[in-house]
C-alpha atoms as a PDB file:
ATOM      1  CA  MET A   1       1.791 -12.114 -11.182  1.00  0.00           C
ATOM      2  CA  ARG A   2       2.684  -8.501 -11.524  1.00  0.00           C
ATOM      3  CA  TYR A   3      -1.149  -7.568 -11.520  1.00  0.00           C
ATOM      4  CA  VAL A   4      -1.882  -9.513  -8.185  1.00  0.00           C
ATOM      5  CA  LEU A   5       1.052  -8.029  -6.496  1.00  0.00           C
ATOM      6  CA  THR A   6      -0.012  -4.155  -7.586  1.00  0.00           C
ATOM      7  CA  VAL A   7      -3.607  -4.886  -6.452  1.00  0.00           C
ATOM      8  CA  GLY A   8      -2.184  -6.446  -2.854  1.00  0.00           C
ATOM      9  CA  VAL A   9      -0.278  -3.363  -2.573  1.00  0.00           C
ATOM     10  CA  ILE A  10      -2.914  -0.835  -3.291  1.00  0.00           C
ATOM     11  CA  LEU A  11      -5.101  -2.830  -1.069  1.00  0.00           C
ATOM     12  CA  VAL A  12      -2.735  -2.797   2.156  1.00  0.00           C
ATOM     13  CA  ALA A  13      -1.954   0.979   1.440  1.00  0.00           C
ATOM     14  CA  ALA A  14      -5.990   1.650   1.665  1.00  0.00           C
ATOM     15  CA  LEU A  15      -5.785  -0.676   4.654  1.00  0.00           C
ATOM     16  CA  GLY A  16      -3.154   1.799   6.426  1.00  0.00           C
ATOM     17  CA  ILE A  17      -4.621   4.724   5.196  1.00  0.00           C
ATOM     18  CA  ALA A  18      -7.731   3.495   6.819  1.00  0.00           C
ATOM     19  CA  GLY A  19      -5.726   2.749  10.216  1.00  0.00           C
ATOM     20  CA  ILE A  20      -4.751   6.358  10.060  1.00  0.00           C
ATOM     21  CA  ALA A  21      -7.747   7.898   9.816  1.00  0.00           C
ATOM     22  CA  HIS A  22      -9.637   5.318  12.339  1.00  0.00           C
ATOM     23  CA  GLY A  23      -6.866   6.402  14.489  1.00  0.00           C
ATOM     24  CA  GLU A  24      -7.016   9.935  14.112  1.00  0.00           C
ATOM     25  CA  ALA A  25     -10.840   9.908  15.155  1.00  0.00           C
ATOM     26  CA  ASP A  26     -10.096   7.732  18.244  1.00  0.00           C
ATOM     27  CA  ASP A  27      -6.907   9.909  19.235  1.00  0.00           C
ATOM     28  CA  SER A  28      -5.396   6.122  19.283  1.00  0.00           C
ATOM     29  CA  PRO A  29      -1.383   6.923  18.250  1.00  0.00           C
ATOM     30  CA  GLY A  30      -0.885   2.941  18.065  1.00  0.00           C
ATOM     31  CA  LEU A  31      -3.306   2.774  15.639  1.00  0.00           C
ATOM     32  CA  GLN A  32      -1.832   5.971  13.776  1.00  0.00           C
ATOM     33  CA  LEU A  33       1.343   4.451  13.916  1.00  0.00           C
ATOM     34  CA  LEU A  34       0.497   0.711  12.382  1.00  0.00           C
ATOM     35  CA  GLY A  35      -1.203   2.530   9.650  1.00  0.00           C
ATOM     36  CA  VAL A  36       1.984   4.398   8.599  1.00  0.00           C
ATOM     37  CA  VAL A  37       4.061   1.409   8.766  1.00  0.00           C
ATOM     38  CA  LEU A  38       1.871  -0.461   6.196  1.00  0.00           C
ATOM     39  CA  VAL A  39       1.445   2.636   3.882  1.00  0.00           C
ATOM     40  CA  ILE A  40       5.135   2.790   3.994  1.00  0.00           C
ATOM     41  CA  GLY A  41       5.938  -0.758   3.649  1.00  0.00           C
ATOM     42  CA  ALA A  42       3.329  -1.011   0.708  1.00  0.00           C
ATOM     43  CA  ALA A  43       5.106   1.728  -1.112  1.00  0.00           C
ATOM     44  CA  ALA A  44       8.365   0.201  -0.478  1.00  0.00           C
ATOM     45  CA  PHE A  45       7.344  -3.304  -1.832  1.00  0.00           C
ATOM     46  CA  GLY A  46       5.237  -1.814  -4.443  1.00  0.00           C
ATOM     47  CA  ILE A  47       8.558   0.188  -6.022  1.00  0.00           C
ATOM     48  CA  ARG A  48      10.878  -2.660  -5.465  1.00  0.00           C
ATOM     49  CA  ASN A  49       8.593  -4.857  -7.089  1.00  0.00           C
ATOM     50  CA  LEU A  50       8.248  -2.331 -10.071  1.00  0.00           C
ATOM     51  CA  ARG A  51      11.673  -1.885 -10.181  1.00  0.00           C
ATOM     52  CA  GLY A  52      12.140  -5.688 -10.640  1.00  0.00           C
ATOM     53  CA  GLY A  53      14.103  -6.289  -7.503  1.00  0.00           C
ATOM     54  CA  SER A  54      14.421  -9.587  -5.593  1.00  0.00           C
END
């Protein structure tokens, strides 16, 4: 189960990074913000998952 959550966190972080990159190319601050929120959320969830929090 932990493996599935880890892969999910990595995929969401990659999606966020892609959103940041596409937002930069299109000059879209909203897409960049959504990408940053996805990356920060994935990092927070991943850290919480590794530490064993509920």
